[in-house]
Structures are given as C-alpha cells and as structure tokens.
C-alpha cells in the first residue's frame, strides 16, 4: 500500500524492494501492454479478499484452510496491483485511493470474519466482539499511519520493515496461520497488540505538528 506522498514522488521513488515486490514483479510483467490495468487487479483483490473472509466466517476447519489459501492469493494481488501500476506508469490519485481503501476494508474484514468463525470456540460470542475490535484497530492504524506519512512529507512509511520485509508483508502469513488452525491465538493477539499499535500510532500523530499550525513558507 503506497502513501499519497510516495505516489506524488513516483518519478524519483525506488520501486519496492521487499521480497514480495520481487516475487510479484516477474509475474505481472506479462500484463504490460494488455487491457489488464492495476484497477482490475485491485478489484480482483477485493473479490478474493471477500471470498476468503466468507470462508473464514463459516467456522469449519476445511473452510478455514480454503480461506487461508484464497487469502494468500488476495495478499499477492494487493502487491501485484501496485507493481503493475509502477512498472507500466499507470499510477494515479484515483487508483491509489481505490487501492488504499480496498486494503483498509479487506484487512479489517479479515479479523471480523475470524471472530465470526470462532464463535463456536472457547471464546464463544466474545470472539465476534474481539474480531470487531481487532478489525477496527487494523483500520485505525492504517488511517493514522497514512496521516503520519502525509504530515511527514518525506515519502517514508510510518512503519518501516525489517530487512527485506515490509510491514505489510505480515498479512501474507495469515494464510498459513489459518492452515495450521492458529486463528484463535491470532485473534487474541491482534485484539491486544493491534489495539496497542493503534494507540501508539495515534500517539505518534498527536506529537507531530499539524500542517495548519505551521507558518507559511
């Protein structure tokens, strides 16, 4: 997911260098010059994301596995649409907005779906409430991080990755978590850690100067 500042600096910003960017790049080069656009991939990302969420919400072990498989595909498409936009020079403000809000929505729904699917677990109906809290925390962190990047203006992400991993790459691993049957600890952990990260991101934003309060240049 690119920030608006990164989009505006597309002429001098480097192409993504994480392992997921490099994985997507050779696979989407064949789409250059075809009628397929980055927005088509974003739409497919939304569709597969919704299908994954629907499968996870069933609450059946086999559906969890299928949900994890489809989720990995959706996460790949999330990376592929941005790569296609960059290497084919099809970046646009509208495309960024569409991609951004699609990611925020689908990533949040993922945890809401997990909560619904775990309603028959030891968590009972509390799982649904935890899913809503987790989804809200993920959405809040994304929105607050975007605002931090806009105020910073350097084109850097609010949360940098480690080594050759971007912070967004963590969403890939939710698929294997579903395959292994570890959705319950993921939900509990995200409810706690995700909420803490959202509050921390809010704190970081509060410490930054508001653009409206800065003197004119």
Protein backbone atom coordinates (compact mmCIF):
# COMPACT_ATOMS: atom_id res chain seq x y z
CA UNK A 1 0.00 0.00 0.00
CA UNK A 2 1.58 3.26 -1.12
CA UNK A 3 1.05 6.52 0.69
CA UNK A 4 -0.06 9.65 -1.14
CA UNK A 5 3.39 11.14 -0.62
CA UNK A 6 5.00 8.11 -2.24
CA UNK A 7 2.59 8.39 -5.15
CA UNK A 8 3.39 12.06 -5.64
CA UNK A 9 7.12 11.22 -5.66
CA UNK A 10 6.80 8.36 -8.14
CA UNK A 11 9.36 9.87 -10.53
CA UNK A 12 12.25 9.59 -8.06
CA UNK A 13 10.95 6.95 -5.64
CA UNK A 14 12.51 3.48 -5.99
CA UNK A 15 10.40 0.53 -6.98
CA UNK A 16 9.51 -1.63 -3.99
CA UNK A 17 12.39 -3.85 -2.97
CA UNK A 18 10.84 -6.26 -0.49
CA UNK A 19 10.73 -9.96 -1.26
CA UNK A 20 7.02 -9.74 -2.04
CA UNK A 21 7.65 -6.95 -4.58
CA UNK A 22 10.32 -9.05 -6.26
CA UNK A 23 8.02 -12.07 -6.27
CA UNK A 24 5.21 -10.14 -7.94
CA UNK A 25 7.32 -8.25 -10.48
CA UNK A 26 8.20 -11.04 -12.97
CA UNK A 27 4.68 -12.45 -12.81
CA UNK A 28 2.95 -9.20 -13.73
CA UNK A 29 5.41 -8.08 -16.42
CA UNK A 30 3.44 -10.19 -18.91
CA UNK A 31 0.42 -7.96 -18.26
CA UNK A 32 2.17 -4.84 -19.58
CA UNK A 33 0.60 -3.79 -22.87
CA UNK A 34 -2.55 -5.85 -22.25
CA UNK A 35 -6.03 -4.50 -21.42
CA UNK A 36 -5.46 -5.51 -17.77
CA UNK A 37 -4.99 -2.45 -15.57
CA UNK A 38 -3.89 -2.07 -11.93
CA UNK A 39 -7.51 -1.28 -11.02
CA UNK A 40 -8.56 -4.65 -12.46
CA UNK A 41 -6.10 -6.35 -10.12
CA UNK A 42 -7.35 -4.25 -7.21
CA UNK A 43 -10.92 -5.34 -7.98
CA UNK A 44 -9.80 -8.97 -8.11
CA UNK A 45 -8.02 -8.40 -4.79
CA UNK A 46 -11.30 -7.18 -3.27
CA UNK A 47 -13.25 -10.15 -4.65
CA UNK A 48 -10.76 -12.74 -3.43
CA UNK A 49 -10.48 -10.95 -0.09
CA UNK A 50 -14.24 -11.08 0.38
CA UNK A 51 -14.29 -14.77 -0.58
CA UNK A 52 -11.55 -15.51 1.94
CA UNK A 53 -13.45 -13.66 4.66
CA UNK A 54 -16.65 -15.51 3.81
CA UNK A 55 -14.85 -18.86 4.05
CA UNK A 56 -13.27 -17.96 7.40
CA UNK A 57 -16.61 -16.83 8.81
CA UNK A 58 -18.15 -20.30 8.30
CA UNK A 59 -16.35 -21.69 11.32
CA UNK A 60 -15.48 -25.04 9.76
CA UNK A 61 -11.92 -26.40 9.64
CA UNK A 62 -11.95 -27.17 5.92
CA UNK A 63 -13.31 -23.72 5.16
CA UNK A 64 -10.54 -22.19 7.29
CA UNK A 65 -7.96 -23.89 5.09
CA UNK A 66 -9.63 -22.70 1.90
CA UNK A 67 -9.97 -19.25 3.37
CA UNK A 68 -6.24 -19.21 4.07
CA UNK A 69 -5.43 -20.27 0.50
CA UNK A 70 -7.63 -17.59 -1.03
CA UNK A 71 -6.26 -15.01 1.41
CA UNK A 72 -2.67 -15.58 0.24
CA UNK A 73 -3.85 -15.02 -3.34
CA UNK A 74 -5.61 -11.84 -2.26
CA UNK A 75 -2.47 -10.62 -0.45
CA UNK A 76 -0.43 -11.30 -3.59
CA UNK A 77 -2.88 -9.31 -5.72
CA UNK A 78 -2.58 -6.46 -3.24
CA UNK A 79 1.14 -6.34 -4.03
CA UNK A 80 0.71 -7.02 -7.75
CA UNK A 81 -1.61 -4.08 -8.49
CA UNK A 82 0.92 -1.58 -7.17
CA UNK A 83 3.78 -3.23 -9.05
CA UNK A 84 1.82 -3.16 -12.31
CA UNK A 85 0.97 0.50 -11.76
CA UNK A 86 4.62 1.41 -11.20
CA UNK A 87 6.35 -0.52 -13.97
CA UNK A 88 3.67 0.33 -16.56
CA UNK A 89 3.48 4.00 -15.47
CA UNK A 90 -0.23 3.78 -14.69
CA UNK A 91 -0.15 5.37 -11.23
CA UNK A 92 -2.95 7.81 -10.43
CA UNK A 93 -4.51 9.51 -7.43
CA UNK A 94 -7.81 7.71 -8.01
CA UNK A 95 -6.07 4.36 -8.31
CA UNK A 96 -4.21 4.99 -5.07
CA UNK A 97 -7.44 5.92 -3.28
CA UNK A 98 -9.21 2.82 -4.61
CA UNK A 99 -6.29 0.57 -3.62
CA UNK A 100 -5.88 2.20 -0.21
CA UNK A 101 -9.49 1.94 0.92
CA UNK A 102 -9.81 -1.56 -0.53
CA UNK A 103 -6.87 -2.66 1.60
CA UNK A 104 -8.19 -0.97 4.73
CA UNK A 105 -11.61 -2.56 4.28
CA UNK A 106 -10.48 -6.09 3.39
CA UNK A 107 -7.76 -6.28 6.05
CA UNK A 108 -10.28 -5.17 8.68
CA UNK A 109 -12.96 -7.58 7.49
CA UNK A 110 -10.45 -10.42 7.74
CA UNK A 111 -10.42 -10.15 11.54
CA UNK A 112 -14.14 -9.60 11.79
CA UNK A 113 -14.58 -12.81 9.78
CA UNK A 114 -12.20 -14.70 12.07
CA UNK A 115 -14.23 -13.57 15.05
CA UNK A 116 -17.45 -14.80 13.49
CA UNK A 117 -15.84 -18.11 12.56
CA UNK A 118 -14.59 -18.67 16.11
CA UNK A 119 -17.99 -18.14 17.74
CA UNK A 120 -18.11 -21.87 18.44
CA UNK A 121 -14.71 -21.90 20.16
CA UNK A 122 -13.90 -21.46 23.83
CA UNK A 123 -14.24 -17.71 23.28
CA UNK A 124 -17.92 -18.11 22.49
CA UNK A 125 -19.68 -14.98 21.29
CA UNK A 126 -16.85 -12.90 22.70
CA UNK A 127 -14.95 -13.92 19.57
CA UNK A 128 -17.22 -11.71 17.47
CA UNK A 129 -16.59 -8.72 19.71
CA UNK A 130 -12.84 -9.39 19.58
CA UNK A 131 -13.00 -9.63 15.81
CA UNK A 132 -14.66 -6.23 15.63
CA UNK A 133 -12.10 -4.72 17.99
CA UNK A 134 -9.22 -6.22 16.01
CA UNK A 135 -10.65 -5.08 12.67
CA UNK A 136 -11.23 -1.59 13.99
CA UNK A 137 -7.66 -1.45 15.34
CA UNK A 138 -6.23 -2.52 11.97
CA UNK A 139 -8.29 0.11 10.15
CA UNK A 140 -7.39 2.83 12.64
CA UNK A 141 -3.69 2.03 12.39
CA UNK A 142 -3.79 2.20 8.59
CA UNK A 143 -5.65 5.52 8.54
CA UNK A 144 -3.46 7.10 11.23
CA UNK A 145 -0.28 5.85 9.53
CA UNK A 146 -1.40 7.42 6.27
CA UNK A 147 -1.87 10.75 8.04
CA UNK A 148 1.59 10.47 9.61
CA UNK A 149 3.10 9.90 6.16
CA UNK A 150 1.26 12.89 4.74
CA UNK A 151 2.45 15.18 7.54
CA UNK A 152 6.00 13.87 7.37
CA UNK A 153 6.18 14.52 3.63
CA UNK A 154 9.40 12.54 3.10
CA UNK A 155 7.78 9.62 1.28
CA UNK A 156 8.81 7.19 4.00
CA UNK A 157 6.34 4.74 5.50
CA UNK A 158 5.13 5.26 9.05
CA UNK A 159 6.22 1.72 9.87
CA UNK A 160 9.36 0.58 8.11
CA UNK A 161 10.03 -3.08 7.55
CA UNK A 162 12.87 -5.25 8.76
CA UNK A 163 15.49 -6.44 6.31
CA UNK A 164 13.74 -7.35 3.07
CA UNK A 165 10.29 -7.40 4.65
CA UNK A 166 7.77 -4.56 4.54
CA UNK A 167 5.41 -4.12 7.47
CA UNK A 168 2.52 -5.00 5.14
CA UNK A 169 4.11 -8.38 4.36
CA UNK A 170 2.79 -9.73 7.66
CA UNK A 171 -0.61 -10.15 6.01
CA UNK A 172 0.81 -12.95 3.85
CA UNK A 173 1.42 -15.08 6.92
CA UNK A 174 -2.22 -15.04 7.99
CA UNK A 175 -2.90 -17.66 5.32
CA UNK A 176 -0.54 -20.27 6.86
CA UNK A 177 -1.93 -19.33 10.29
CA UNK A 178 -5.37 -20.40 9.03
CA UNK A 179 -3.99 -23.62 7.54
CA UNK A 180 -2.37 -24.54 10.83
CA UNK A 181 -5.50 -23.82 12.85
CA UNK A 182 -3.95 -20.95 14.80
CA UNK A 183 -6.68 -18.38 14.20
CA UNK A 184 -7.75 -18.25 17.85
CA UNK A 185 -4.33 -17.14 19.18
CA UNK A 186 -4.07 -14.76 16.20
CA UNK A 187 -7.38 -13.16 17.15
CA UNK A 188 -6.46 -12.85 20.83
CA UNK A 189 -3.04 -11.47 19.99
CA UNK A 190 -4.34 -8.95 17.48
CA UNK A 191 -7.04 -7.76 19.86
CA UNK A 192 -4.33 -6.89 22.38
CA UNK A 193 -1.32 -5.98 20.24
CA UNK A 194 -3.36 -4.45 17.41
CA UNK A 195 -5.15 -2.14 19.81
CA UNK A 196 -1.82 -1.17 21.39
CA UNK A 197 -0.29 -0.41 17.98
CA UNK A 198 -3.32 1.70 17.02
CA UNK A 199 -2.98 3.72 20.23
CA UNK A 200 0.78 4.08 19.68
CA UNK A 201 0.20 5.30 16.11
CA UNK A 202 -2.34 7.81 17.40
CA UNK A 203 0.20 8.99 19.99
CA UNK A 204 2.80 9.44 17.26
CA UNK A 205 0.37 11.50 15.20
CA UNK A 206 -0.52 13.70 18.17
CA UNK A 207 3.17 14.50 18.65
CA UNK A 208 3.53 15.72 15.06
CA UNK A 209 2.85 19.37 14.17
CA UNK A 210 -0.46 19.99 12.44
CA UNK A 211 0.14 21.41 8.96
CA UNK A 212 -2.48 24.10 9.58
CA UNK A 213 -0.47 25.37 12.57
CA UNK A 214 2.82 25.71 10.67
CA UNK A 215 3.93 29.13 9.45
CA UNK A 216 3.69 29.70 5.68
CA UNK A 217 6.87 29.10 3.67
